[in-house]
Structures are given as structure tokens and as C-alpha cells.
């Protein structure tokens, strides 16, 4: 059974940092692209960052220079380092991967940026 389990969300002040983690179990990990999405209240879920099996990364414009996606294949874990957080980054963040020809999502972790 494939599972994606996120952790690391919380409440942080503007300008602060958080690191999200997503551990994958039940599947090969290293050969797949992994993504982080987010969904703010009343808005559609959007792709925030992606990392390929070879380590190439891609980001939406609004987080470029502030967020960093990385992966540790030995630990089957993908990370999202979020720096210089803004109130508009407030959302539920989801880990995603198309593993074994099927889309899998984590349960989501809440990130709230507020003073």
C-alpha cells in the first residue's frame, strides 16, 4: 500500500521559515518526479514546486527565490524549505507523486503565515 505522509506545517510569522517533509512508503521512490501543491481557502489547488528523479526543479513564480524543493532518495523523502514566508502562502500543502502509474496524495499539512 502506497502512502505519502507529510509533516512540518504550522503557524509562523511573516518572514519566517518552515520545512515540510513527505515520506513515501510502499513504492519505488527514486525514479519518480515528486511535487508539492497547495490549496488556500476558496481557491483551486496549485502546483508549487516539482523535482524530477535527476534533481531538476521547477517553481511557480510567486515562490521562486523563497522556496526550495529537494529529495533524499535513501530516505524516500521529499522536502519543501519555505523561507521569507508571506501571508499569501497560507494554505494546506500537499505532497504528490505519480507512483506506479497512479496519482497519490498526502493528507495535507496546514501552513499559516500570520502575525
PDB file of N, CA and C in Angstrom:
ATOM      1  N   UNK A   1       0.847  -1.190   0.000  1.00  0.00           N
ATOM      2  CA  UNK A   1       0.000   0.000   0.000  1.00  0.00           C
ATOM      3  C   UNK A   1       0.884   1.242   0.000  1.00  0.00           C
ATOM      4  N   UNK A   2       0.649   2.098  -0.994  1.00  0.00           N
ATOM      5  CA  UNK A   2       1.437   3.318  -1.112  1.00  0.00           C
ATOM      6  C   UNK A   2       0.880   4.383  -0.179  1.00  0.00           C
ATOM      7  N   UNK A   3       1.759   5.026   0.554  1.00  0.00           N
ATOM      8  CA  UNK A   3       1.357   6.111   1.437  1.00  0.00           C
ATOM      9  C   UNK A   3       2.339   7.265   1.339  1.00  0.00           C
ATOM     10  N   UNK A   4       1.796   8.482   1.385  1.00  0.00           N
ATOM     11  CA  UNK A   4       2.579   9.699   1.463  1.00  0.00           C
ATOM     12  C   UNK A   4       2.173  10.403   2.746  1.00  0.00           C
ATOM     13  N   UNK A   5       3.120  10.667   3.605  1.00  0.00           N
ATOM     14  CA  UNK A   5       2.822  11.268   4.901  1.00  0.00           C
ATOM     15  C   UNK A   5       3.630  12.544   5.056  1.00  0.00           C
ATOM     16  N   UNK A   6       2.904  13.678   5.151  1.00  0.00           N
ATOM     17  CA  UNK A   6       3.549  14.985   5.287  1.00  0.00           C
ATOM     18  C   UNK A   6       3.679  15.364   6.753  1.00  0.00           C
ATOM     19  N   UNK A   7       4.623  16.231   7.018  1.00  0.00           N
ATOM     20  CA  UNK A   7       4.782  16.819   8.344  1.00  0.00           C
ATOM     21  C   UNK A   7       5.501  18.158   8.195  1.00  0.00           C
ATOM     22  N   UNK A   8       5.455  18.945   9.263  1.00  0.00           N
ATOM     23  CA  UNK A   8       6.244  20.178   9.272  1.00  0.00           C
ATOM     24  C   UNK A   8       5.457  21.464   9.159  1.00  0.00           C
ATOM     25  N   UNK A   9       4.148  21.384   8.973  1.00  0.00           N
ATOM     26  CA  UNK A   9       3.366  22.603   8.891  1.00  0.00           C
ATOM     27  C   UNK A   9       3.224  23.268  10.247  1.00  0.00           C
ATOM     28  N   UNK A  10       2.595  24.441  10.235  1.00  0.00           N
ATOM     29  CA  UNK A  10       2.378  25.150  11.497  1.00  0.00           C
ATOM     30  C   UNK A  10       2.091  26.609  11.277  1.00  0.00           C
ATOM     31  N   UNK A  11       2.137  27.343  12.386  1.00  0.00           N
ATOM     32  CA  UNK A  11       1.904  28.786  12.372  1.00  0.00           C
ATOM     33  C   UNK A  11       3.250  29.495  12.448  1.00  0.00           C
ATOM     34  N   UNK A  12       3.455  30.442  11.552  1.00  0.00           N
ATOM     35  CA  UNK A  12       4.714  31.173  11.522  1.00  0.00           C
ATOM     36  C   UNK A  12       4.426  32.632  11.198  1.00  0.00           C
ATOM     37  N   UNK A  13       5.259  33.511  11.696  1.00  0.00           N
ATOM     38  CA  UNK A  13       5.095  34.937  11.407  1.00  0.00           C
ATOM     39  C   UNK A  13       5.619  35.263  10.008  1.00  0.00           C
ATOM     40  N   UNK A  14       5.117  36.326   9.413  1.00  0.00           N
ATOM     41  CA  UNK A  14       5.660  36.748   8.110  1.00  0.00           C
ATOM     42  C   UNK A  14       7.173  36.923   8.186  1.00  0.00           C
ATOM     43  N   UNK A  15       7.847  36.445   7.145  1.00  0.00           N
ATOM     44  CA  UNK A  15       9.302  36.470   7.121  1.00  0.00           C
ATOM     45  C   UNK A  15       9.957  35.248   7.709  1.00  0.00           C
ATOM     46  N   UNK A  16       9.168  34.389   8.335  1.00  0.00           N
ATOM     47  CA  UNK A  16       9.707  33.189   8.957  1.00  0.00           C
ATOM     48  C   UNK A  16       9.901  32.050   7.974  1.00  0.00           C
ATOM     49  N   UNK A  17      10.311  30.903   8.529  1.00  0.00           N
ATOM     50  CA  UNK A  17      10.615  29.735   7.710  1.00  0.00           C
ATOM     51  C   UNK A  17       9.950  28.477   8.266  1.00  0.00           C
ATOM     52  N   UNK A  18       9.676  27.564   7.382  1.00  0.00           N
ATOM     53  CA  UNK A  18       9.210  26.232   7.737  1.00  0.00           C
ATOM     54  C   UNK A  18       9.811  25.249   6.742  1.00  0.00           C
ATOM     55  N   UNK A  19       9.974  24.005   7.187  1.00  0.00           N
ATOM     56  CA  UNK A  19      10.388  22.944   6.273  1.00  0.00           C
ATOM     57  C   UNK A  19       9.370  21.825   6.327  1.00  0.00           C
ATOM     58  N   UNK A  20       8.778  21.538   5.197  1.00  0.00           N
ATOM     59  CA  UNK A  20       7.831  20.431   5.086  1.00  0.00           C
ATOM     60  C   UNK A  20       8.568  19.175   4.628  1.00  0.00           C
ATOM     61  N   UNK A  21       8.113  18.045   5.137  1.00  0.00           N
ATOM     62  CA  UNK A  21       8.668  16.752   4.739  1.00  0.00           C
ATOM     63  C   UNK A  21       7.537  15.845   4.276  1.00  0.00           C
ATOM     64  N   UNK A  22       7.853  14.961   3.351  1.00  0.00           N
ATOM     65  CA  UNK A  22       6.878  13.975   2.860  1.00  0.00           C
ATOM     66  C   UNK A  22       7.605  12.651   2.696  1.00  0.00           C
ATOM     67  N   UNK A  23       7.204  11.679   3.486  1.00  0.00           N
ATOM     68  CA  UNK A  23       7.816  10.356   3.438  1.00  0.00           C
ATOM     69  C   UNK A  23       6.922   9.422   2.636  1.00  0.00           C
ATOM     70  N   UNK A  24       7.515   8.730   1.684  1.00  0.00           N
ATOM     71  CA  UNK A  24       6.785   7.799   0.826  1.00  0.00           C
ATOM     72  C   UNK A  24       7.079   6.363   1.249  1.00  0.00           C
ATOM     73  N   UNK A  25       6.046   5.564   1.355  1.00  0.00           N
ATOM     74  CA  UNK A  25       6.228   4.150   1.661  1.00  0.00           C
ATOM     75  C   UNK A  25       5.414   3.320   0.683  1.00  0.00           C
ATOM     76  N   UNK A  26       5.835   2.072   0.488  1.00  0.00           N
ATOM     77  CA  UNK A  26       5.072   1.164  -0.351  1.00  0.00           C
ATOM     78  C   UNK A  26       5.329   1.289  -1.836  1.00  0.00           C
ATOM     79  N   UNK A  27       6.333   2.073  -2.229  1.00  0.00           N
ATOM     80  CA  UNK A  27       6.598   2.275  -3.647  1.00  0.00           C
ATOM     81  C   UNK A  27       8.061   2.583  -3.867  1.00  0.00           C
ATOM     82  N   UNK A  28       8.520   2.256  -5.070  1.00  0.00           N
ATOM     83  CA  UNK A  28       9.803   2.798  -5.501  1.00  0.00           C
ATOM     84  C   UNK A  28       9.688   4.318  -5.510  1.00  0.00           C
ATOM     85  N   UNK A  29      10.734   4.992  -5.118  1.00  0.00           N
ATOM     86  CA  UNK A  29      10.648   6.449  -4.986  1.00  0.00           C
ATOM     87  C   UNK A  29      11.573   7.170  -5.966  1.00  0.00           C
ATOM     88  N   UNK A  30      12.770   6.665  -6.105  1.00  0.00           N
ATOM     89  CA  UNK A  30      13.834   7.433  -6.749  1.00  0.00           C
ATOM     90  C   UNK A  30      13.581   7.750  -8.221  1.00  0.00           C
ATOM     91  N   UNK A  31      12.742   6.980  -8.898  1.00  0.00           N
ATOM     92  CA  UNK A  31      12.591   7.167 -10.345  1.00  0.00           C
ATOM     93  C   UNK A  31      11.456   8.124 -10.706  1.00  0.00           C
ATOM     94  N   UNK A  32      10.744   8.604  -9.704  1.00  0.00           N
ATOM     95  CA  UNK A  32       9.560   9.415  -9.975  1.00  0.00           C
ATOM     96  C   UNK A  32       9.758  10.886  -9.616  1.00  0.00           C
ATOM     97  N   UNK A  33       9.119  11.744 -10.433  1.00  0.00           N
ATOM     98  CA  UNK A  33       9.004  13.152 -10.078  1.00  0.00           C
ATOM     99  C   UNK A  33       8.056  13.297  -8.891  1.00  0.00           C
ATOM    100  N   UNK A  34       8.429  14.159  -7.976  1.00  0.00           N
ATOM    101  CA  UNK A  34       7.586  14.452  -6.809  1.00  0.00           C
ATOM    102  C   UNK A  34       7.254  15.936  -6.789  1.00  0.00           C
ATOM    103  N   UNK A  35       6.066  16.243  -6.275  1.00  0.00           N
ATOM    104  CA  UNK A  35       5.584  17.625  -6.309  1.00  0.00           C
ATOM    105  C   UNK A  35       5.047  18.048  -4.945  1.00  0.00           C
ATOM    106  N   UNK A  36       4.997  19.343  -4.770  1.00  0.00           N
ATOM    107  CA  UNK A  36       4.241  19.953  -3.664  1.00  0.00           C
ATOM    108  C   UNK A  36       3.168  20.848  -4.276  1.00  0.00           C
ATOM    109  N   UNK A  37       1.939  20.676  -3.823  1.00  0.00           N
ATOM    110  CA  UNK A  37       0.821  21.520  -4.193  1.00  0.00           C
ATOM    111  C   UNK A  37       0.359  22.258  -2.946  1.00  0.00           C
ATOM    112  N   UNK A  38      -0.465  23.279  -3.157  1.00  0.00           N
ATOM    113  CA  UNK A  38      -1.120  23.934  -2.030  1.00  0.00           C
ATOM    114  C   UNK A  38      -2.519  24.375  -2.453  1.00  0.00           C
ATOM    115  N   UNK A  39      -3.359  24.488  -1.429  1.00  0.00           N
ATOM    116  CA  UNK A  39      -4.721  24.957  -1.659  1.00  0.00           C
ATOM    117  C   UNK A  39      -5.123  25.901  -0.547  1.00  0.00           C
ATOM    118  N   UNK A  40      -5.376  27.136  -0.930  1.00  0.00           N
ATOM    119  CA  UNK A  40      -5.835  28.144   0.011  1.00  0.00           C
ATOM    120  C   UNK A  40      -7.362  28.132   0.040  1.00  0.00           C
ATOM    121  N   UNK A  41      -7.973  28.628   1.125  1.00  0.00           N
ATOM    122  CA  UNK A  41      -9.437  28.635   1.227  1.00  0.00           C
ATOM    123  C   UNK A  41     -10.065  29.360   0.047  1.00  0.00           C
ATOM    124  N   UNK A  42     -11.034  28.713  -0.588  1.00  0.00           N
ATOM    125  CA  UNK A  42     -11.749  29.326  -1.695  1.00  0.00           C
ATOM    126  C   UNK A  42     -10.992  29.354  -3.001  1.00  0.00           C
ATOM    127  N   UNK A  43      -9.819  28.731  -3.050  1.00  0.00           N
ATOM    128  CA  UNK A  43      -9.019  28.735  -4.271  1.00  0.00           C
ATOM    129  C   UNK A  43      -8.750  27.317  -4.750  1.00  0.00           C
ATOM    130  N   UNK A  44      -8.370  27.206  -6.014  1.00  0.00           N
ATOM    131  CA  UNK A  44      -8.034  25.905  -6.569  1.00  0.00           C
ATOM    132  C   UNK A  44      -6.658  25.461  -6.088  1.00  0.00           C
ATOM    133  N   UNK A  45      -6.475  24.151  -6.060  1.00  0.00           N
ATOM    134  CA  UNK A  45      -5.172  23.607  -5.713  1.00  0.00           C
ATOM    135  C   UNK A  45      -4.185  23.971  -6.822  1.00  0.00           C
ATOM    136  N   UNK A  46      -2.984  24.402  -6.424  1.00  0.00           N
ATOM    137  CA  UNK A  46      -1.984  24.797  -7.416  1.00  0.00           C
ATOM    138  C   UNK A  46      -0.659  24.102  -7.157  1.00  0.00           C
ATOM    139  N   UNK A  47       0.037  23.835  -8.250  1.00  0.00           N
ATOM    140  CA  UNK A  47       1.362  23.232  -8.157  1.00  0.00           C
ATOM    141  C   UNK A  47       2.360  24.294  -7.709  1.00  0.00           C
ATOM    142  N   UNK A  48       3.094  24.020  -6.653  1.00  0.00           N
ATOM    143  CA  UNK A  48       4.055  24.971  -6.092  1.00  0.00           C
ATOM    144  C   UNK A  48       5.468  24.678  -6.583  1.00  0.00           C
ATOM    145  N   UNK A  49       5.866  23.406  -6.504  1.00  0.00           N
ATOM    146  CA  UNK A  49       7.233  23.044  -6.863  1.00  0.00           C
ATOM    147  C   UNK A  49       7.275  21.574  -7.246  1.00  0.00           C
ATOM    148  N   UNK A  50       8.223  21.241  -8.115  1.00  0.00           N
ATOM    149  CA  UNK A  50       8.396  19.861  -8.551  1.00  0.00           C
ATOM    150  C   UNK A  50       9.881  19.536  -8.636  1.00  0.00           C
ATOM    151  N   UNK A  51      10.201  18.260  -8.413  1.00  0.00           N
ATOM    152  CA  UNK A  51      11.586  17.808  -8.537  1.00  0.00           C
ATOM    153  C   UNK A  51      11.593  16.469  -9.264  1.00  0.00           C
ATOM    154  N   UNK A  52      12.398  16.366 -10.310  1.00  0.00           N
ATOM    155  CA  UNK A  52      12.447  15.136 -11.090  1.00  0.00           C
ATOM    156  C   UNK A  52      13.367  14.113 -10.422  1.00  0.00           C
ATOM    157  N   UNK A  53      13.433  12.950 -11.021  1.00  0.00           N
ATOM    158  CA  UNK A  53      14.279  11.888 -10.484  1.00  0.00           C
ATOM    159  C   UNK A  53      15.757  12.274 -10.533  1.00  0.00           C
ATOM    160  N   UNK A  54      16.114  13.156 -11.466  1.00  0.00           N
ATOM    161  CA  UNK A  54      17.511  13.570 -11.602  1.00  0.00           C
ATOM    162  C   UNK A  54      17.821  14.843 -10.817  1.00  0.00           C
ATOM    163  N   UNK A  55      16.807  15.370 -10.122  1.00  0.00           N
ATOM    164  CA  UNK A  55      17.035  16.539  -9.278  1.00  0.00           C
ATOM    165  C   UNK A  55      16.723  17.878  -9.920  1.00  0.00           C
ATOM    166  N   UNK A  56      16.228  17.875 -11.133  1.00  0.00           N
ATOM    167  CA  UNK A  56      15.804  19.137 -11.750  1.00  0.00           C
ATOM    168  C   UNK A  56      14.571  19.661 -11.038  1.00  0.00           C
ATOM    169  N   UNK A  57      14.515  20.969 -10.860  1.00  0.00           N
ATOM    170  CA  UNK A  57      13.418  21.568 -10.094  1.00  0.00           C
ATOM    171  C   UNK A  57      12.684  22.623 -10.904  1.00  0.00           C
ATOM    172  N   UNK A  58      11.444  22.868 -10.475  1.00  0.00           N
ATOM    173  CA  UNK A  58      10.619  23.882 -11.113  1.00  0.00           C
ATOM    174  C   UNK A  58       9.715  24.486 -10.054  1.00  0.00           C
ATOM    175  N   UNK A  59       9.454  25.797 -10.168  1.00  0.00           N
ATOM    176  CA  UNK A  59       8.659  26.501  -9.164  1.00  0.00           C
ATOM    177  C   UNK A  59       7.676  27.447  -9.837  1.00  0.00           C
ATOM    178  N   UNK A  60       6.562  27.705  -9.137  1.00  0.00           N
ATOM    179  CA  UNK A  60       5.707  28.788  -9.596  1.00  0.00           C
ATOM    180  C   UNK A  60       6.414  30.104  -9.279  1.00  0.00           C
ATOM    181  N   UNK A  61       6.068  31.125 -10.079  1.00  0.00           N
ATOM    182  CA  UNK A  61       6.779  32.402  -9.968  1.00  0.00           C
ATOM    183  C   UNK A  61       6.700  33.004  -8.570  1.00  0.00           C
ATOM    184  N   UNK A  62       5.578  32.841  -7.913  1.00  0.00           N
ATOM    185  CA  UNK A  62       5.364  33.511  -6.629  1.00  0.00           C
ATOM    186  C   UNK A  62       6.263  32.987  -5.510  1.00  0.00           C
ATOM    187  N   UNK A  63       6.883  31.828  -5.698  1.00  0.00           N
ATOM    188  CA  UNK A  63       7.740  31.275  -4.636  1.00  0.00           C
ATOM    189  C   UNK A  63       9.201  31.187  -5.052  1.00  0.00           C
ATOM    190  N   UNK A  64       9.507  31.539  -6.284  1.00  0.00           N
ATOM    191  CA  UNK A  64      10.898  31.468  -6.745  1.00  0.00           C
ATOM    192  C   UNK A  64      11.800  32.346  -5.881  1.00  0.00           C
ATOM    193  N   UNK A  65      12.922  31.781  -5.488  1.00  0.00           N
ATOM    194  CA  UNK A  65      13.855  32.503  -4.631  1.00  0.00           C
ATOM    195  C   UNK A  65      13.540  32.414  -3.150  1.00  0.00           C
ATOM    196  N   UNK A  66      12.377  31.876  -2.808  1.00  0.00           N
ATOM    197  CA  UNK A  66      11.985  31.751  -1.383  1.00  0.00           C
ATOM    198  C   UNK A  66      11.830  30.292  -0.963  1.00  0.00           C
ATOM    199  N   UNK A  67      11.350  29.457  -1.868  1.00  0.00           N
ATOM    200  CA  UNK A  67      11.115  28.037  -1.562  1.00  0.00           C
ATOM    201  C   UNK A  67      12.157  27.179  -2.273  1.00  0.00           C
ATOM    202  N   UNK A  68      12.513  26.068  -1.636  1.00  0.00           N
ATOM    203  CA  UNK A  68      13.446  25.115  -2.237  1.00  0.00           C
ATOM    204  C   UNK A  68      12.918  23.701  -2.040  1.00  0.00           C
ATOM    205  N   UNK A  69      12.746  22.997  -3.160  1.00  0.00           N
ATOM    206  CA  UNK A  69      12.336  21.600  -3.084  1.00  0.00           C
ATOM    207  C   UNK A  69      13.580  20.722  -3.213  1.00  0.00           C
ATOM    208  N   UNK A  70      13.615  19.650  -2.442  1.00  0.00           N
ATOM    209  CA  UNK A  70      14.750  18.724  -2.501  1.00  0.00           C
ATOM    210  C   UNK A  70      14.248  17.323  -2.176  1.00  0.00           C
ATOM    211  N   UNK A  71      15.116  16.348  -2.383  1.00  0.00           N
ATOM    212  CA  UNK A  71      14.716  14.964  -2.110  1.00  0.00           C
ATOM    213  C   UNK A  71      15.907  14.186  -1.584  1.00  0.00           C
ATOM    214  N   UNK A  72      15.594  13.173  -0.781  1.00  0.00           N
ATOM    215  CA  UNK A  72      16.585  12.222  -0.275  1.00  0.00           C
ATOM    216  C   UNK A  72      16.070  10.843  -0.657  1.00  0.00           C
ATOM    217  N   UNK A  73      16.635  10.277  -1.714  1.00  0.00           N
ATOM    218  CA  UNK A  73      16.116   9.010  -2.214  1.00  0.00           C
ATOM    219  C   UNK A  73      16.340   7.863  -1.228  1.00  0.00           C
ATOM    220  N   UNK A  74      17.408   7.918  -0.471  1.00  0.00           N
ATOM    221  CA  UNK A  74      17.665   6.860   0.506  1.00  0.00           C
ATOM    222  C   UNK A  74      16.586   6.848   1.594  1.00  0.00           C
ATOM    223  N   UNK A  75      16.062   8.011   1.917  1.00  0.00           N
ATOM    224  CA  UNK A  75      15.023   8.116   2.947  1.00  0.00           C
ATOM    225  C   UNK A  75      13.625   8.154   2.337  1.00  0.00           C
ATOM    226  N   UNK A  76      13.533   8.108   1.003  1.00  0.00           N
ATOM    227  CA  UNK A  76      12.236   8.194   0.322  1.00  0.00           C
ATOM    228  C   UNK A  76      11.462   9.416   0.807  1.00  0.00           C
ATOM    229  N   UNK A  77      12.132  10.526   0.864  1.00  0.00           N
ATOM    230  CA  UNK A  77      11.546  11.737   1.412  1.00  0.00           C
ATOM    231  C   UNK A  77      11.766  12.907   0.469  1.00  0.00           C
ATOM    232  N   UNK A  78      10.737  13.729   0.312  1.00  0.00           N
ATOM    233  CA  UNK A  78      10.839  14.981  -0.419  1.00  0.00           C
ATOM    234  C   UNK A  78      10.564  16.118   0.559  1.00  0.00           C
ATOM    235  N   UNK A  79      11.310  17.204   0.386  1.00  0.00           N
ATOM    236  CA  UNK A  79      11.232  18.330   1.307  1.00  0.00           C
ATOM    237  C   UNK A  79      10.804  19.596   0.568  1.00  0.00           C
ATOM    238  N   UNK A  80      10.224  20.514   1.325  1.00  0.00           N
ATOM    239  CA  UNK A  80       9.976  21.856   0.817  1.00  0.00           C
ATOM    240  C   UNK A  80      10.429  22.837   1.890  1.00  0.00           C
ATOM    241  N   UNK A  81      11.552  23.472   1.640  1.00  0.00           N
ATOM    242  CA  UNK A  81      12.045  24.513   2.531  1.00  0.00           C
ATOM    243  C   UNK A  81      11.410  25.829   2.112  1.00  0.00           C
ATOM    244  N   UNK A  82      10.715  26.459   3.047  1.00  0.00           N
ATOM    245  CA  UNK A  82       9.990  27.696   2.761  1.00  0.00           C
ATOM    246  C   UNK A  82      10.565  28.812   3.615  1.00  0.00           C
ATOM    247  N   UNK A  83      11.159  29.779   2.962  1.00  0.00           N
ATOM    248  CA  UNK A  83      11.749  30.932   3.641  1.00  0.00           C
ATOM    249  C   UNK A  83      11.012  32.209   3.242  1.00  0.00           C
ATOM    250  N   UNK A  84      11.228  33.249   4.022  1.00  0.00           N
ATOM    251  CA  UNK A  84      10.599  34.551   3.745  1.00  0.00           C
ATOM    252  C   UNK A  84       9.106  34.389   3.490  1.00  0.00           C
ATOM    253  N   UNK A  85       8.467  33.666   4.364  1.00  0.00           N
ATOM    254  CA  UNK A  85       7.045  33.361   4.175  1.00  0.00           C
ATOM    255  C   UNK A  85       6.189  34.605   4.247  1.00  0.00           C
ATOM    256  N   UNK A  86       5.130  34.590   3.440  1.00  0.00           N
ATOM    257  CA  UNK A  86       4.195  35.709   3.348  1.00  0.00           C
ATOM    258  C   UNK A  86       2.797  35.221   3.720  1.00  0.00           C
ATOM    259  N   UNK A  87       1.923  36.133   4.158  1.00  0.00           N
ATOM    260  CA  UNK A  87       0.552  35.716   4.476  1.00  0.00           C
ATOM    261  C   UNK A  87      -0.134  34.998   3.309  1.00  0.00           C
ATOM    262  N   UNK A  88       0.191  35.369   2.096  1.00  0.00           N
ATOM    263  CA  UNK A  88      -0.441  34.724   0.935  1.00  0.00           C
ATOM    264  C   UNK A  88       0.062  33.307   0.698  1.00  0.00           C
ATOM    265  N   UNK A  89       1.052  32.869   1.449  1.00  0.00           N
ATOM    266  CA  UNK A  89       1.490  31.467   1.386  1.00  0.00           C
ATOM    267  C   UNK A  89       0.621  30.562   2.257  1.00  0.00           C
ATOM    268  N   UNK A  90      -0.279  31.150   3.023  1.00  0.00           N
ATOM    269  CA  UNK A  90      -1.161  30.369   3.886  1.00  0.00           C
ATOM    270  C   UNK A  90      -2.020  29.426   3.056  1.00  0.00           C
ATOM    271  N   UNK A  91      -1.959  28.150   3.374  1.00  0.00           N
ATOM    272  CA  UNK A  91      -2.684  27.131   2.614  1.00  0.00           C
ATOM    273  C   UNK A  91      -2.451  25.770   3.254  1.00  0.00           C
ATOM    274  N   UNK A  92      -3.203  24.791   2.771  1.00  0.00           N
ATOM    275  CA  UNK A  92      -2.876  23.401   3.066  1.00  0.00           C
ATOM    276  C   UNK A  92      -1.934  22.925   1.966  1.00  0.00           C
ATOM    277  N   UNK A  93      -0.817  22.370   2.380  1.00  0.00           N
ATOM    278  CA  UNK A  93       0.205  21.909   1.429  1.00  0.00           C
ATOM    279  C   UNK A  93       0.132  20.390   1.309  1.00  0.00           C
ATOM    280  N   UNK A  94       0.155  19.924   0.066  1.00  0.00           N
ATOM    281  CA  UNK A  94       0.019  18.506  -0.227  1.00  0.00           C
ATOM    282  C   UNK A  94       1.230  17.999  -1.005  1.00  0.00           C
ATOM    283  N   UNK A  95       1.687  16.847  -0.611  1.00  0.00           N
ATOM    284  CA  UNK A  95       2.718  16.129  -1.354  1.00  0.00           C
ATOM    285  C   UNK A  95       2.020  15.256  -2.398  1.00  0.00           C
ATOM    286  N   UNK A  96       2.616  15.135  -3.571  1.00  0.00           N
ATOM    287  CA  UNK A  96       2.010  14.365  -4.658  1.00  0.00           C
ATOM    288  C   UNK A  96       3.085  13.652  -5.460  1.00  0.00           C
ATOM    289  N   UNK A  97       2.713  12.455  -5.921  1.00  0.00           N
ATOM    290  CA  UNK A  97       3.574  11.727  -6.838  1.00  0.00           C
ATOM    291  C   UNK A  97       2.756  10.782  -7.693  1.00  0.00           C
ATOM    292  N   UNK A  98       3.105  10.674  -8.963  1.00  0.00           N
ATOM    293  CA  UNK A  98       2.506   9.675  -9.847  1.00  0.00           C
ATOM    294  C   UNK A  98       3.357   8.420  -9.744  1.00  0.00           C
ATOM    295  N   UNK A  99       3.007   7.564  -8.817  1.00  0.00           N
ATOM    296  CA  UNK A  99       3.801   6.390  -8.490  1.00  0.00           C
ATOM    297  C   UNK A  99       3.107   5.154  -9.010  1.00  0.00           C
ATOM    298  N   UNK A 100       3.869   4.301  -9.657  1.00  0.00           N
ATOM    299  CA  UNK A 100       3.302   3.048 -10.166  1.00  0.00           C
ATOM    300  C   UNK A 100       2.088   3.325 -11.049  1.00  0.00           C
ATOM    301  N   UNK A 101       2.189   4.381 -11.880  1.00  0.00           N
ATOM    302  CA  UNK A 101       1.160   4.761 -12.849  1.00  0.00           C
ATOM    303  C   UNK A 101      -0.143   5.233 -12.196  1.00  0.00           C
ATOM    304  N   UNK A 102      -0.073   5.676 -10.959  1.00  0.00           N
ATOM    305  CA  UNK A 102      -1.274   6.158 -10.275  1.00  0.00           C
ATOM    306  C   UNK A 102      -0.901   7.380  -9.451  1.00  0.00           C
ATOM    307  N   UNK A 103      -1.818   8.337  -9.375  1.00  0.00           N
ATOM    308  CA  UNK A 103      -1.576   9.546  -8.601  1.00  0.00           C
ATOM    309  C   UNK A 103      -1.842   9.305  -7.125  1.00  0.00           C
ATOM    310  N   UNK A 104      -0.882   9.680  -6.310  1.00  0.00           N
ATOM    311  CA  UNK A 104      -1.033   9.561  -4.858  1.00  0.00           C
ATOM    312  C   UNK A 104      -0.830  10.934  -4.221  1.00  0.00           C
ATOM    313  N   UNK A 105      -1.620  11.174  -3.158  1.00  0.00           N
ATOM    314  CA  UNK A 105      -1.557  12.428  -2.418  1.00  0.00           C
ATOM    315  C   UNK A 105      -1.360  12.140  -0.941  1.00  0.00           C
ATOM    316  N   UNK A 106      -0.669  13.044  -0.293  1.00  0.00           N
ATOM    317  CA  UNK A 106      -0.615  13.003   1.147  1.00  0.00           C
ATOM    318  C   UNK A 106      -1.883  13.597   1.731  1.00  0.00           C
ATOM    319  N   UNK A 107      -1.954  13.568   3.055  1.00  0.00           N
ATOM    320  CA  UNK A 107      -3.158  14.030   3.741  1.00  0.00           C
ATOM    321  C   UNK A 107      -3.214  15.547   3.862  1.00  0.00           C
ATOM    322  N   UNK A 108      -2.103  16.198   3.607  1.00  0.00           N
ATOM    323  CA  UNK A 108      -2.044  17.652   3.691  1.00  0.00           C
ATOM    324  C   UNK A 108      -1.538  18.124   5.045  1.00  0.00           C
ATOM    325  N   UNK A 109      -0.844  19.244   5.020  1.00  0.00           N
ATOM    326  CA  UNK A 109      -0.375  19.867   6.259  1.00  0.00           C
ATOM    327  C   UNK A 109      -0.635  21.366   6.166  1.00  0.00           C
ATOM    328  N   UNK A 110      -1.201  21.930   7.225  1.00  0.00           N
ATOM    329  CA  UNK A 110      -1.599  23.327   7.229  1.00  0.00           C
ATOM    330  C   UNK A 110      -0.402  24.227   7.487  1.00  0.00           C
ATOM    331  N   UNK A 111      -0.255  25.234   6.649  1.00  0.00           N
ATOM    332  CA  UNK A 111       0.739  26.285   6.852  1.00  0.00           C
ATOM    333  C   UNK A 111      -0.018  27.604   6.985  1.00  0.00           C
ATOM    334  N   UNK A 112       0.179  28.278   8.105  1.00  0.00           N
ATOM    335  CA  UNK A 112      -0.469  29.553   8.352  1.00  0.00           C
ATOM    336  C   UNK A 112       0.592  30.604   8.626  1.00  0.00           C
ATOM    337  N   UNK A 113       0.567  31.664   7.828  1.00  0.00           N
ATOM    338  CA  UNK A 113       1.528  32.751   7.988  1.00  0.00           C
ATOM    339  C   UNK A 113       0.764  33.978   8.473  1.00  0.00           C
ATOM    340  N   UNK A 114       0.998  34.343   9.698  1.00  0.00           N
ATOM    341  CA  UNK A 114       0.235  35.421  10.302  1.00  0.00           C
ATOM    342  C   UNK A 114       0.990  36.005  11.484  1.00  0.00           C
ATOM    343  N   UNK A 115       0.793  37.312  11.696  1.00  0.00           N
ATOM    344  CA  UNK A 115       1.389  37.954  12.860  1.00  0.00           C
ATOM    345  C   UNK A 115       0.403  37.991  14.026  1.00  0.00           C
TER     346      UNK A 115
END
